[in-house]
Amino acid sequence: MKGIWGGLVLAAALLGLAAPLHAATKAEPPAVKKTAPKAGGKTAVKPKPKAKANTTKAAAGKPVRHATMVDNDPAHLALHSSSVLVLDQTTGQAIVEKQSGSVQPIASITKLMTAMVVLDAGLDLYEVISIGEEDVDSLKSSTSRLPVGTTMTRETAMLLALMSSENRAANALGRHYPGGLPAFVRAMNSKAAALGMYNSRFEEPTGLSSNNVSTAHDLARMVAAAAHYPEIRHFSTTAEARVELRGHIRDFVNTNTLVRSDNWEIGLSKTGYISEAGRCLVMQANVAGKPVVIVLLDSNGKMSRVGDANRIKRWMESASLVNARRSA
């Protein structure tokens, strides 16, 4: 009799291990499924009770993958830029990385360094400078809306270089530096060394040369430094401007369409493109309550750098929401 009774107790105990899971499923209503924005193309839910693994069963019985800030594999974001770095400025932690140490051409991202060197020199921003034959692009034969002979203040030249990526304006800034372009380029490389950009090299102030090279990590340092200059923050995020040139009013727009978006809070921005560098974009922004630096290099489509930025933003916001609910 004791043997039979003991067997019944053991069976009841084993069944009791599984009972809470089945009971919870029946007693509680199905967890509400929250569809995350299409960052990883999957759905995030808050399971009840919490699952120990990174996947669980949704109400419909399908496995669901949870987005978390720890899960920083860029393959899940389907990023089209060949080199990526998203850096949390508060902690210094890399949130997303993809070939962030690769040395490659940086195109007009160069112009952030150009602006810093001009401002560090304390040159008069209201001094009038001119566009000369020396400022015409002989490397890529790119066009410009600034004819030779155009005059403007150094401040306007900086605005057009940062906002509309005007190459002639950027070159004129370097050419009107004390000691001319050779001295200016030396100052650019000295500034890079001072910032710890040890894998970077600058040959001229526009970015048209493919010999202007850096890494995503070095550029994150440069962006963080440039964000300390009010003029750079303001000029690089100006959506559009009307400028009087040679008696005519000209409209200029920012090369980064995201600065005109209400969905973004951007503190600094710069785009770049030459064939060797691909489409590039760097920004300092607040995303999901975090101040971050975003570096996207060598993106392989005209709009893919913007798409990558939006994918990163949606993923961070989704992950932040999931983490907040888990800790609630």
C-alpha atoms as a PDB file:
ATOM      1  CA  MET A   1       0.000   0.000   0.000  1.00  0.00           C
ATOM      2  CA  LYS A   2       2.859   2.324   0.895  1.00  0.00           C
ATOM      3  CA  GLY A   3       4.502   1.577  -2.448  1.00  0.00           C
ATOM      4  CA  ILE A   4       1.376   2.474  -4.377  1.00  0.00           C
ATOM      5  CA  TRP A   5       0.887   5.637  -2.352  1.00  0.00           C
ATOM      6  CA  GLY A   6       4.537   6.693  -2.866  1.00  0.00           C
ATOM      7  CA  GLY A   7       4.222   6.209  -6.611  1.00  0.00           C
ATOM      8  CA  LEU A   8       1.147   8.421  -6.729  1.00  0.00           C
ATOM      9  CA  VAL A   9       2.972  11.180  -4.799  1.00  0.00           C
ATOM     10  CA  LEU A  10       5.978  11.091  -7.171  1.00  0.00           C
ATOM     11  CA  ALA A  11       3.756  11.242 -10.244  1.00  0.00           C
ATOM     12  CA  ALA A  12       1.858  14.177  -8.783  1.00  0.00           C
ATOM     13  CA  ALA A  13       5.132  16.001  -8.056  1.00  0.00           C
ATOM     14  CA  LEU A  14       6.420  15.571 -11.626  1.00  0.00           C
ATOM     15  CA  LEU A  15       3.137  16.766 -13.050  1.00  0.00           C
ATOM     16  CA  GLY A  16       3.313  19.749 -10.719  1.00  0.00           C
ATOM     17  CA  LEU A  17       6.530  20.988 -12.396  1.00  0.00           C
ATOM     18  CA  ALA A  18       4.706  21.512 -15.672  1.00  0.00           C
ATOM     19  CA  ALA A  19       1.409  22.619 -14.168  1.00  0.00           C
ATOM     20  CA  PRO A  20       2.308  26.314 -13.546  1.00  0.00           C
ATOM     21  CA  LEU A  21       3.122  26.887 -17.234  1.00  0.00           C
ATOM     22  CA  HIS A  22      -0.195  25.394 -18.403  1.00  0.00           C
ATOM     23  CA  ALA A  23      -2.134  27.090 -15.632  1.00  0.00           C
ATOM     24  CA  ALA A  24      -0.650  30.488 -16.438  1.00  0.00           C
ATOM     25  CA  THR A  25      -1.531  30.035 -20.078  1.00  0.00           C
ATOM     26  CA  LYS A  26      -5.144  29.287 -19.277  1.00  0.00           C
ATOM     27  CA  ALA A  27      -5.677  31.683 -16.393  1.00  0.00           C
ATOM     28  CA  GLU A  28      -4.193  34.793 -18.000  1.00  0.00           C
ATOM     29  CA  PRO A  29      -5.397  36.390 -21.224  1.00  0.00           C
ATOM     30  CA  PRO A  30      -2.996  36.099 -24.151  1.00  0.00           C
ATOM     31  CA  ALA A  31      -0.152  38.605 -24.062  1.00  0.00           C
ATOM     32  CA  VAL A  32      -0.820  41.596 -26.295  1.00  0.00           C
ATOM     33  CA  LYS A  33       1.442  41.412 -29.313  1.00  0.00           C
ATOM     34  CA  LYS A  34       3.340  44.635 -30.081  1.00  0.00           C
ATOM     35  CA  THR A  35       4.605  44.823 -33.616  1.00  0.00           C
ATOM     36  CA  ALA A  36       7.995  46.506 -33.697  1.00  0.00           C
ATOM     37  CA  PRO A  37       8.844  48.868 -36.574  1.00  0.00           C
ATOM     38  CA  LYS A  38      10.501  46.913 -39.360  1.00  0.00           C
ATOM     39  CA  ALA A  39      14.035  47.166 -38.114  1.00  0.00           C
ATOM     40  CA  GLY A  40      14.737  43.478 -37.917  1.00  0.00           C
ATOM     41  CA  GLY A  41      11.566  42.487 -39.735  1.00  0.00           C
ATOM     42  CA  LYS A  42      10.230  40.618 -36.706  1.00  0.00           C
ATOM     43  CA  THR A  43       7.984  41.132 -33.732  1.00  0.00           C
ATOM     44  CA  ALA A  44       8.801  41.980 -30.144  1.00  0.00           C
ATOM     45  CA  VAL A  45       6.494  41.021 -27.299  1.00  0.00           C
ATOM     46  CA  LYS A  46       6.586  41.125 -23.534  1.00  0.00           C
ATOM     47  CA  PRO A  47       6.072  37.509 -22.519  1.00  0.00           C
ATOM     48  CA  LYS A  48       4.158  36.482 -19.407  1.00  0.00           C
ATOM     49  CA  PRO A  49       5.896  34.999 -17.549  1.00  0.00           C
ATOM     50  CA  LYS A  50       9.335  36.223 -18.704  1.00  0.00           C
ATOM     51  CA  ALA A  51      11.173  33.749 -20.865  1.00  0.00           C
ATOM     52  CA  LYS A  52      14.784  33.018 -20.044  1.00  0.00           C
ATOM     53  CA  ALA A  53      15.779  32.622 -23.659  1.00  0.00           C
ATOM     54  CA  ASN A  54      15.598  35.346 -26.318  1.00  0.00           C
ATOM     55  CA  THR A  55      12.656  33.650 -27.991  1.00  0.00           C
ATOM     56  CA  THR A  56       9.268  32.508 -26.681  1.00  0.00           C
ATOM     57  CA  LYS A  57       5.862  31.489 -27.943  1.00  0.00           C
ATOM     58  CA  ALA A  58       3.431  34.192 -28.935  1.00  0.00           C
ATOM     59  CA  ALA A  59      -0.304  33.836 -28.381  1.00  0.00           C
ATOM     60  CA  ALA A  60      -0.650  32.245 -31.818  1.00  0.00           C
ATOM     61  CA  GLY A  61       2.044  29.711 -30.999  1.00  0.00           C
ATOM     62  CA  LYS A  62       4.652  31.195 -33.369  1.00  0.00           C
ATOM     63  CA  PRO A  63       8.197  31.818 -32.157  1.00  0.00           C
ATOM     64  CA  VAL A  64       8.968  35.489 -31.637  1.00  0.00           C
ATOM     65  CA  ARG A  65      12.413  37.049 -31.537  1.00  0.00           C
ATOM     66  CA  HIS A  66      12.917  39.864 -29.027  1.00  0.00           C
ATOM     67  CA  ALA A  67      14.874  42.990 -29.982  1.00  0.00           C
ATOM     68  CA  THR A  68      17.240  44.079 -27.236  1.00  0.00           C
ATOM     69  CA  MET A  69      20.023  46.642 -27.025  1.00  0.00           C
ATOM     70  CA  VAL A  70      22.446  43.795 -26.332  1.00  0.00           C
ATOM     71  CA  ASP A  71      21.614  42.216 -29.665  1.00  0.00           C
ATOM     72  CA  ASN A  72      23.755  44.469 -31.849  1.00  0.00           C
ATOM     73  CA  ASP A  73      24.408  42.221 -34.815  1.00  0.00           C
ATOM     74  CA  PRO A  74      24.024  44.605 -37.792  1.00  0.00           C
ATOM     75  CA  ALA A  75      22.879  41.696 -39.945  1.00  0.00           C
ATOM     76  CA  HIS A  76      19.554  41.900 -38.132  1.00  0.00           C
ATOM     77  CA  LEU A  77      19.227  45.534 -39.244  1.00  0.00           C
ATOM     78  CA  ALA A  78      19.951  44.794 -42.907  1.00  0.00           C
ATOM     79  CA  LEU A  79      22.291  47.806 -43.153  1.00  0.00           C
ATOM     80  CA  HIS A  80      23.514  48.746 -46.618  1.00  0.00           C
ATOM     81  CA  SER A  81      26.518  50.809 -45.522  1.00  0.00           C
ATOM     82  CA  SER A  82      29.788  48.872 -45.577  1.00  0.00           C
ATOM     83  CA  SER A  83      31.115  50.555 -42.422  1.00  0.00           C
ATOM     84  CA  VAL A  84      28.858  51.540 -39.511  1.00  0.00           C
ATOM     85  CA  LEU A  85      29.266  52.827 -35.988  1.00  0.00           C
ATOM     86  CA  VAL A  86      26.591  54.005 -33.573  1.00  0.00           C
ATOM     87  CA  LEU A  87      28.160  55.308 -30.388  1.00  0.00           C
ATOM     88  CA  ASP A  88      26.376  56.152 -27.131  1.00  0.00           C
ATOM     89  CA  GLN A  89      27.915  59.498 -26.182  1.00  0.00           C
ATOM     90  CA  THR A  90      26.993  59.132 -22.518  1.00  0.00           C
ATOM     91  CA  THR A  91      28.723  55.807 -21.942  1.00  0.00           C
ATOM     92  CA  GLY A  92      31.096  55.666 -24.905  1.00  0.00           C
ATOM     93  CA  GLN A  93      29.665  52.234 -25.695  1.00  0.00           C
ATOM     94  CA  ALA A  94      29.301  51.101 -29.290  1.00  0.00           C
ATOM     95  CA  ILE A  95      25.640  50.207 -29.858  1.00  0.00           C
ATOM     96  CA  VAL A  96      26.075  49.028 -33.444  1.00  0.00           C
ATOM     97  CA  GLU A  97      29.321  48.218 -35.243  1.00  0.00           C
ATOM     98  CA  LYS A  98      30.109  46.949 -38.691  1.00  0.00           C
ATOM     99  CA  GLN A  99      33.670  47.092 -40.023  1.00  0.00           C
ATOM    100  CA  SER A 100      34.156  50.244 -37.964  1.00  0.00           C
ATOM    101  CA  GLY A 101      37.950  50.061 -38.205  1.00  0.00           C
ATOM    102  CA  SER A 102      38.084  49.943 -41.985  1.00  0.00           C
ATOM    103  CA  VAL A 103      40.139  52.788 -43.489  1.00  0.00           C
ATOM    104  CA  GLN A 104      38.370  54.293 -46.477  1.00  0.00           C
ATOM    105  CA  PRO A 105      37.722  57.576 -48.334  1.00  0.00           C
ATOM    106  CA  ILE A 106      35.320  59.895 -46.510  1.00  0.00           C
ATOM    107  CA  ALA A 107      34.351  62.395 -49.243  1.00  0.00           C
ATOM    108  CA  SER A 108      32.695  65.584 -47.947  1.00  0.00           C
ATOM    109  CA  ILE A 109      32.636  64.427 -44.344  1.00  0.00           C
ATOM    110  CA  THR A 110      36.026  66.160 -44.617  1.00  0.00           C
ATOM    111  CA  LYS A 111      34.270  69.526 -44.431  1.00  0.00           C
ATOM    112  CA  LEU A 112      33.650  69.103 -40.693  1.00  0.00           C
ATOM    113  CA  MET A 113      37.410  69.152 -40.181  1.00  0.00           C
ATOM    114  CA  THR A 114      37.689  72.110 -42.546  1.00  0.00           C
ATOM    115  CA  ALA A 115      35.220  74.096 -40.448  1.00  0.00           C
ATOM    116  CA  MET A 116      36.950  73.217 -37.167  1.00  0.00           C
ATOM    117  CA  VAL A 117      40.342  74.352 -38.458  1.00  0.00           C
ATOM    118  CA  VAL A 118      38.900  77.677 -39.629  1.00  0.00           C
ATOM    119  CA  LEU A 119      37.170  78.270 -36.298  1.00  0.00           C
ATOM    120  CA  ASP A 120      40.215  77.204 -34.263  1.00  0.00           C
ATOM    121  CA  ALA A 121      42.267  79.841 -36.075  1.00  0.00           C
ATOM    122  CA  GLY A 122      39.902  82.561 -34.884  1.00  0.00           C
ATOM    123  CA  LEU A 123      39.605  84.033 -38.388  1.00  0.00           C
ATOM    124  CA  ASP A 124      37.124  86.857 -38.939  1.00  0.00           C
ATOM    125  CA  LEU A 125      33.891  85.215 -40.074  1.00  0.00           C
ATOM    126  CA  TYR A 126      32.697  88.483 -41.592  1.00  0.00           C
ATOM    127  CA  GLU A 127      35.762  89.014 -43.754  1.00  0.00           C
ATOM    128  CA  VAL A 128      34.879  88.848 -47.454  1.00  0.00           C
ATOM    129  CA  ILE A 129      36.600  86.096 -49.421  1.00  0.00           C
ATOM    130  CA  SER A 130      36.326  85.223 -53.113  1.00  0.00           C
ATOM    131  CA  ILE A 131      35.898  82.157 -55.290  1.00  0.00           C
ATOM    132  CA  GLY A 132      38.883  81.878 -57.631  1.00  0.00           C
ATOM    133  CA  GLU A 133      39.992  79.651 -60.466  1.00  0.00           C
ATOM    134  CA  GLU A 134      41.978  77.636 -57.917  1.00  0.00           C
ATOM    135  CA  ASP A 135      38.708  76.602 -56.281  1.00  0.00           C
ATOM    136  CA  VAL A 136      37.301  74.940 -59.405  1.00  0.00           C
ATOM    137  CA  ASP A 137      37.223  71.141 -59.075  1.00  0.00           C
ATOM    138  CA  SER A 138      39.880  69.617 -61.294  1.00  0.00           C
ATOM    139  CA  LEU A 139      39.650  66.155 -59.683  1.00  0.00           C
ATOM    140  CA  LYS A 140      36.029  65.157 -60.311  1.00  0.00           C
ATOM    141  CA  SER A 141      34.856  68.047 -62.513  1.00  0.00           C
ATOM    142  CA  SER A 142      31.914  68.536 -60.152  1.00  0.00           C
ATOM    143  CA  THR A 143      29.548  71.419 -60.728  1.00  0.00           C
ATOM    144  CA  SER A 144      29.034  74.380 -58.434  1.00  0.00           C
ATOM    145  CA  ARG A 145      26.535  77.186 -58.045  1.00  0.00           C
ATOM    146  CA  LEU A 146      29.349  79.564 -57.114  1.00  0.00           C
ATOM    147  CA  PRO A 147      30.872  81.093 -60.252  1.00  0.00           C
ATOM    148  CA  VAL A 148      34.479  82.228 -60.246  1.00  0.00           C
ATOM    149  CA  GLY A 149      34.577  85.810 -59.006  1.00  0.00           C
ATOM    150  CA  THR A 150      31.775  85.336 -56.472  1.00  0.00           C
ATOM    151  CA  THR A 151      32.463  87.049 -53.157  1.00  0.00           C
ATOM    152  CA  MET A 152      30.955  86.255 -49.764  1.00  0.00           C
ATOM    153  CA  THR A 153      31.801  86.384 -46.106  1.00  0.00           C
ATOM    154  CA  ARG A 154      33.800  83.578 -44.573  1.00  0.00           C
ATOM    155  CA  GLU A 155      30.682  82.776 -42.524  1.00  0.00           C
ATOM    156  CA  THR A 156      28.565  82.321 -45.672  1.00  0.00           C
ATOM    157  CA  ALA A 157      31.242  80.140 -47.226  1.00  0.00           C
ATOM    158  CA  MET A 158      31.195  77.922 -44.141  1.00  0.00           C
ATOM    159  CA  LEU A 159      27.400  77.734 -44.197  1.00  0.00           C
ATOM    160  CA  LEU A 160      27.366  76.652 -47.857  1.00  0.00           C
ATOM    161  CA  ALA A 161      30.182  74.158 -47.309  1.00  0.00           C
ATOM    162  CA  LEU A 162      28.469  72.478 -44.359  1.00  0.00           C
ATOM    163  CA  MET A 163      24.835  72.735 -45.420  1.00  0.00           C
ATOM    164  CA  SER A 164      24.989  72.286 -49.199  1.00  0.00           C
ATOM    165  CA  SER A 165      28.463  70.724 -49.407  1.00  0.00           C
ATOM    166  CA  GLU A 166      29.699  73.428 -51.800  1.00  0.00           C
ATOM    167  CA  ASN A 167      33.205  72.347 -52.753  1.00  0.00           C
ATOM    168  CA  ARG A 168      34.342  75.728 -54.028  1.00  0.00           C
ATOM    169  CA  ALA A 169      33.308  77.351 -50.749  1.00  0.00           C
ATOM    170  CA  ALA A 170      35.257  74.742 -48.764  1.00  0.00           C
ATOM    171  CA  ASN A 171      38.359  75.126 -50.916  1.00  0.00           C
ATOM    172  CA  ALA A 172      38.169  78.918 -50.648  1.00  0.00           C
ATOM    173  CA  LEU A 173      38.099  78.605 -46.861  1.00  0.00           C
ATOM    174  CA  GLY A 174      41.355  76.651 -46.992  1.00  0.00           C
ATOM    175  CA  ARG A 175      42.930  78.900 -49.580  1.00  0.00           C
ATOM    176  CA  HIS A 176      42.245  82.039 -47.523  1.00  0.00           C
ATOM    177  CA  TYR A 177      43.849  80.502 -44.451  1.00  0.00           C
ATOM    178  CA  PRO A 178      47.114  82.111 -43.281  1.00  0.00           C
ATOM    179  CA  GLY A 179      49.821  80.328 -45.271  1.00  0.00           C
ATOM    180  CA  GLY A 180      47.356  79.108 -47.890  1.00  0.00           C
ATOM    181  CA  LEU A 181      46.303  75.530 -48.629  1.00  0.00           C
ATOM    182  CA  PRO A 182      49.587  73.848 -47.590  1.00  0.00           C
ATOM    183  CA  ALA A 183      49.348  75.383 -44.114  1.00  0.00           C
ATOM    184  CA  PHE A 184      45.651  74.580 -43.937  1.00  0.00           C
ATOM    185  CA  VAL A 185      46.169  70.894 -44.745  1.00  0.00           C
ATOM    186  CA  ARG A 186      48.917  70.682 -42.134  1.00  0.00           C
ATOM    187  CA  ALA A 187      46.511  72.154 -39.601  1.00  0.00           C
ATOM    188  CA  MET A 188      43.858  69.593 -40.592  1.00  0.00           C
ATOM    189  CA  ASN A 189      46.211  66.691 -39.948  1.00  0.00           C
ATOM    190  CA  SER A 190      47.467  68.223 -36.710  1.00  0.00           C
ATOM    191  CA  LYS A 191      43.882  68.577 -35.503  1.00  0.00           C
ATOM    192  CA  ALA A 192      43.181  64.957 -36.437  1.00  0.00           C
ATOM    193  CA  ALA A 193      46.208  63.794 -34.425  1.00  0.00           C
ATOM    194  CA  ALA A 194      45.139  65.915 -31.450  1.00  0.00           C
ATOM    195  CA  LEU A 195      41.712  64.231 -31.521  1.00  0.00           C
ATOM    196  CA  GLY A 196      43.262  60.765 -31.592  1.00  0.00           C
ATOM    197  CA  MET A 197      42.268  60.129 -35.205  1.00  0.00           C
ATOM    198  CA  TYR A 198      45.339  57.994 -35.840  1.00  0.00           C
ATOM    199  CA  ASN A 199      43.948  56.215 -38.892  1.00  0.00           C
ATOM    200  CA  SER A 200      42.970  59.413 -40.704  1.00  0.00           C
ATOM    201  CA  ARG A 201      44.691  61.487 -43.346  1.00  0.00           C
ATOM    202  CA  PHE A 202      43.659  64.719 -45.067  1.00  0.00           C
ATOM    203  CA  GLU A 203      45.042  65.983 -48.358  1.00  0.00           C
ATOM    204  CA  GLU A 204      42.679  68.876 -49.141  1.00  0.00           C
ATOM    205  CA  PRO A 205      39.643  70.644 -47.564  1.00  0.00           C
ATOM    206  CA  THR A 206      36.746  69.473 -49.755  1.00  0.00           C
ATOM    207  CA  GLY A 207      36.789  65.676 -49.701  1.00  0.00           C
ATOM    208  CA  LEU A 208      36.993  65.389 -53.478  1.00  0.00           C
ATOM    209  CA  SER A 209      40.287  63.549 -53.124  1.00  0.00           C
ATOM    210  CA  SER A 210      40.019  59.849 -52.348  1.00  0.00           C
ATOM    211  CA  ASN A 211      43.231  60.289 -50.331  1.00  0.00           C
ATOM    212  CA  ASN A 212      41.177  61.892 -47.565  1.00  0.00           C
ATOM    213  CA  VAL A 213      40.655  58.742 -45.510  1.00  0.00           C
ATOM    214  CA  SER A 214      39.465  57.740 -42.054  1.00  0.00           C
ATOM    215  CA  THR A 215      37.609  55.077 -40.111  1.00  0.00           C
ATOM    216  CA  ALA A 216      34.172  55.072 -38.535  1.00  0.00           C
ATOM    217  CA  HIS A 217      35.786  55.162 -35.092  1.00  0.00           C
ATOM    218  CA  ASP A 218      37.962  58.149 -36.002  1.00  0.00           C
ATOM    219  CA  LEU A 219      35.011  59.962 -37.532  1.00  0.00           C
ATOM    220  CA  ALA A 220      32.970  59.418 -34.368  1.00  0.00           C
ATOM    221  CA  ARG A 221      35.721  61.306 -32.538  1.00  0.00           C
ATOM    222  CA  MET A 222      35.604  64.073 -35.139  1.00  0.00           C
ATOM    223  CA  VAL A 223      31.817  64.388 -34.982  1.00  0.00           C
ATOM    224  CA  ALA A 224      31.849  64.530 -31.185  1.00  0.00           C
ATOM    225  CA  ALA A 225      34.493  67.264 -31.316  1.00  0.00           C
ATOM    226  CA  ALA A 226      32.707  69.242 -34.037  1.00  0.00           C
ATOM    227  CA  ALA A 227      29.506  69.184 -31.976  1.00  0.00           C
ATOM    228  CA  HIS A 228      31.208  71.508 -29.484  1.00  0.00           C
ATOM    229  CA  TYR A 229      31.233  74.323 -32.086  1.00  0.00           C
ATOM    230  CA  PRO A 230      27.902  76.224 -32.155  1.00  0.00           C
ATOM    231  CA  GLU A 231      28.547  77.431 -35.717  1.00  0.00           C
ATOM    232  CA  ILE A 232      29.047  73.899 -37.013  1.00  0.00           C
ATOM    233  CA  ARG A 233      25.952  72.607 -35.240  1.00  0.00           C
ATOM    234  CA  HIS A 234      23.846  75.451 -36.615  1.00  0.00           C
ATOM    235  CA  PHE A 235      25.181  75.540 -40.185  1.00  0.00           C
ATOM    236  CA  SER A 236      25.218  71.768 -40.676  1.00  0.00           C
ATOM    237  CA  THR A 237      21.579  71.382 -39.581  1.00  0.00           C
ATOM    238  CA  THR A 238      20.160  74.417 -41.385  1.00  0.00           C
ATOM    239  CA  ALA A 239      17.453  73.012 -43.655  1.00  0.00           C
ATOM    240  CA  GLU A 240      17.584  75.773 -46.276  1.00  0.00           C
ATOM    241  CA  ALA A 241      18.925  79.274 -46.755  1.00  0.00           C
ATOM    242  CA  ARG A 242      18.549  82.189 -49.142  1.00  0.00           C
ATOM    243  CA  VAL A 243      21.871  83.772 -50.004  1.00  0.00           C
ATOM    244  CA  GLU A 244      22.564  86.872 -52.074  1.00  0.00           C
ATOM    245  CA  LEU A 245      25.383  86.200 -54.513  1.00  0.00           C
ATOM    246  CA  ARG A 246      26.485  88.733 -57.112  1.00  0.00           C
ATOM    247  CA  GLY A 247      23.221  90.621 -56.778  1.00  0.00           C
ATOM    248  CA  HIS A 248      21.001  87.533 -57.114  1.00  0.00           C
ATOM    249  CA  ILE A 249      19.129  85.629 -54.423  1.00  0.00           C
ATOM    250  CA  ARG A 250      19.944  81.928 -54.494  1.00  0.00           C
ATOM    251  CA  ASP A 251      18.174  79.180 -52.556  1.00  0.00           C
ATOM    252  CA  PHE A 252      20.300  76.433 -51.035  1.00  0.00           C
ATOM    253  CA  VAL A 253      19.123  73.294 -49.229  1.00  0.00           C
ATOM    254  CA  ASN A 254      20.729  70.803 -46.890  1.00  0.00           C
ATOM    255  CA  THR A 255      22.102  67.677 -48.540  1.00  0.00           C
ATOM    256  CA  ASN A 256      20.744  65.597 -45.633  1.00  0.00           C
ATOM    257  CA  THR A 257      16.972  65.290 -46.014  1.00  0.00           C
ATOM    258  CA  LEU A 258      16.655  64.055 -42.419  1.00  0.00           C
ATOM    259  CA  VAL A 259      17.243  67.549 -41.004  1.00  0.00           C
ATOM    260  CA  ARG A 260      13.827  68.472 -42.412  1.00  0.00           C
ATOM    261  CA  SER A 261      12.116  65.539 -40.695  1.00  0.00           C
ATOM    262  CA  ASP A 262      10.055  66.053 -37.535  1.00  0.00           C
ATOM    263  CA  ASN A 263      10.955  62.500 -36.518  1.00  0.00           C
ATOM    264  CA  TRP A 264      14.609  63.338 -35.973  1.00  0.00           C
ATOM    265  CA  GLU A 265      16.380  65.472 -33.367  1.00  0.00           C
ATOM    266  CA  ILE A 266      19.703  66.164 -35.074  1.00  0.00           C
ATOM    267  CA  GLY A 267      22.430  68.262 -33.498  1.00  0.00           C
ATOM    268  CA  LEU A 268      25.023  67.966 -36.272  1.00  0.00           C
ATOM    269  CA  SER A 269      24.996  66.516 -39.768  1.00  0.00           C
ATOM    270  CA  LYS A 270      27.209  66.008 -42.797  1.00  0.00           C
ATOM    271  CA  THR A 271      26.837  63.993 -45.963  1.00  0.00           C
ATOM    272  CA  GLY A 272      29.487  62.966 -48.462  1.00  0.00           C
ATOM    273  CA  TYR A 273      29.850  61.328 -51.841  1.00  0.00           C
ATOM    274  CA  ILE A 274      32.513  60.496 -54.364  1.00  0.00           C
ATOM    275  CA  SER A 275      32.591  57.253 -56.326  1.00  0.00           C
ATOM    276  CA  GLU A 276      35.474  55.862 -54.258  1.00  0.00           C
ATOM    277  CA  ALA A 277      33.730  56.588 -50.948  1.00  0.00           C
ATOM    278  CA  GLY A 278      30.143  55.784 -51.829  1.00  0.00           C
ATOM    279  CA  ARG A 279      27.328  57.570 -50.004  1.00  0.00           C
ATOM    280  CA  CYS A 280      28.348  58.660 -46.509  1.00  0.00           C
ATOM    281  CA  LEU A 281      26.514  60.244 -43.598  1.00  0.00           C
ATOM    282  CA  VAL A 282      27.537  61.279 -40.098  1.00  0.00           C
ATOM    283  CA  MET A 283      25.241  62.740 -37.463  1.00  0.00           C
ATOM    284  CA  GLN A 284      25.047  63.623 -33.811  1.00  0.00           C
ATOM    285  CA  ALA A 285      21.459  63.072 -32.702  1.00  0.00           C
ATOM    286  CA  ASN A 286      19.188  62.116 -29.817  1.00  0.00           C
ATOM    287  CA  VAL A 287      17.644  58.705 -30.451  1.00  0.00           C
ATOM    288  CA  ALA A 288      15.472  56.823 -27.949  1.00  0.00           C
ATOM    289  CA  GLY A 289      16.520  59.282 -25.258  1.00  0.00           C
ATOM    290  CA  LYS A 290      20.223  58.747 -25.929  1.00  0.00           C
ATOM    291  CA  PRO A 291      22.742  61.202 -27.403  1.00  0.00           C
ATOM    292  CA  VAL A 292      24.446  59.196 -30.121  1.00  0.00           C
ATOM    293  CA  VAL A 293      26.955  59.608 -32.934  1.00  0.00           C
ATOM    294  CA  ILE A 294      25.992  57.783 -36.124  1.00  0.00           C
ATOM    295  CA  VAL A 295      28.606  57.081 -38.801  1.00  0.00           C
ATOM    296  CA  LEU A 296      27.565  55.454 -42.091  1.00  0.00           C
ATOM    297  CA  LEU A 297      30.239  54.980 -44.772  1.00  0.00           C
ATOM    298  CA  ASP A 298      30.170  53.577 -48.295  1.00  0.00           C
ATOM    299  CA  SER A 299      26.440  53.068 -48.621  1.00  0.00           C
ATOM    300  CA  ASN A 300      25.605  51.449 -51.932  1.00  0.00           C
ATOM    301  CA  GLY A 301      22.474  53.322 -52.991  1.00  0.00           C
ATOM    302  CA  LYS A 302      21.377  56.928 -53.324  1.00  0.00           C
ATOM    303  CA  MET A 303      18.898  56.710 -50.448  1.00  0.00           C
ATOM    304  CA  SER A 304      20.392  53.768 -48.551  1.00  0.00           C
ATOM    305  CA  ARG A 305      22.330  55.903 -46.058  1.00  0.00           C
ATOM    306  CA  VAL A 306      19.056  57.592 -45.065  1.00  0.00           C
ATOM    307  CA  GLY A 307      17.382  54.191 -44.961  1.00  0.00           C
ATOM    308  CA  ASP A 308      20.146  52.846 -42.714  1.00  0.00           C
ATOM    309  CA  ALA A 309      19.791  55.804 -40.354  1.00  0.00           C
ATOM    310  CA  ASN A 310      16.040  55.272 -40.115  1.00  0.00           C
ATOM    311  CA  ARG A 311      16.466  51.530 -39.557  1.00  0.00           C
ATOM    312  CA  ILE A 312      18.905  52.180 -36.721  1.00  0.00           C
ATOM    313  CA  LYS A 313      16.558  54.735 -35.165  1.00  0.00           C
ATOM    314  CA  ARG A 314      13.514  52.443 -35.300  1.00  0.00           C
ATOM    315  CA  TRP A 315      15.506  49.532 -33.894  1.00  0.00           C
ATOM    316  CA  MET A 316      16.841  51.620 -30.994  1.00  0.00           C
ATOM    317  CA  GLU A 317      13.380  52.964 -30.194  1.00  0.00           C
ATOM    318  CA  SER A 318      11.841  49.501 -30.328  1.00  0.00           C
ATOM    319  CA  ALA A 319      14.574  47.991 -28.161  1.00  0.00           C
ATOM    320  CA  SER A 320      14.279  50.830 -25.655  1.00  0.00           C
ATOM    321  CA  LEU A 321      10.530  50.274 -25.392  1.00  0.00           C
ATOM    322  CA  VAL A 322      10.954  46.536 -24.849  1.00  0.00           C
ATOM    323  CA  ASN A 323      13.628  47.070 -22.187  1.00  0.00           C
ATOM    324  CA  ALA A 324      11.491  49.672 -20.416  1.00  0.00           C
ATOM    325  CA  ARG A 325       8.546  47.291 -20.253  1.00  0.00           C
ATOM    326  CA  ARG A 326      10.699  44.461 -18.994  1.00  0.00           C
ATOM    327  CA  SER A 327      12.056  46.580 -16.168  1.00  0.00           C
ATOM    328  CA  ALA A 328       8.627  47.993 -15.247  1.00  0.00           C
END
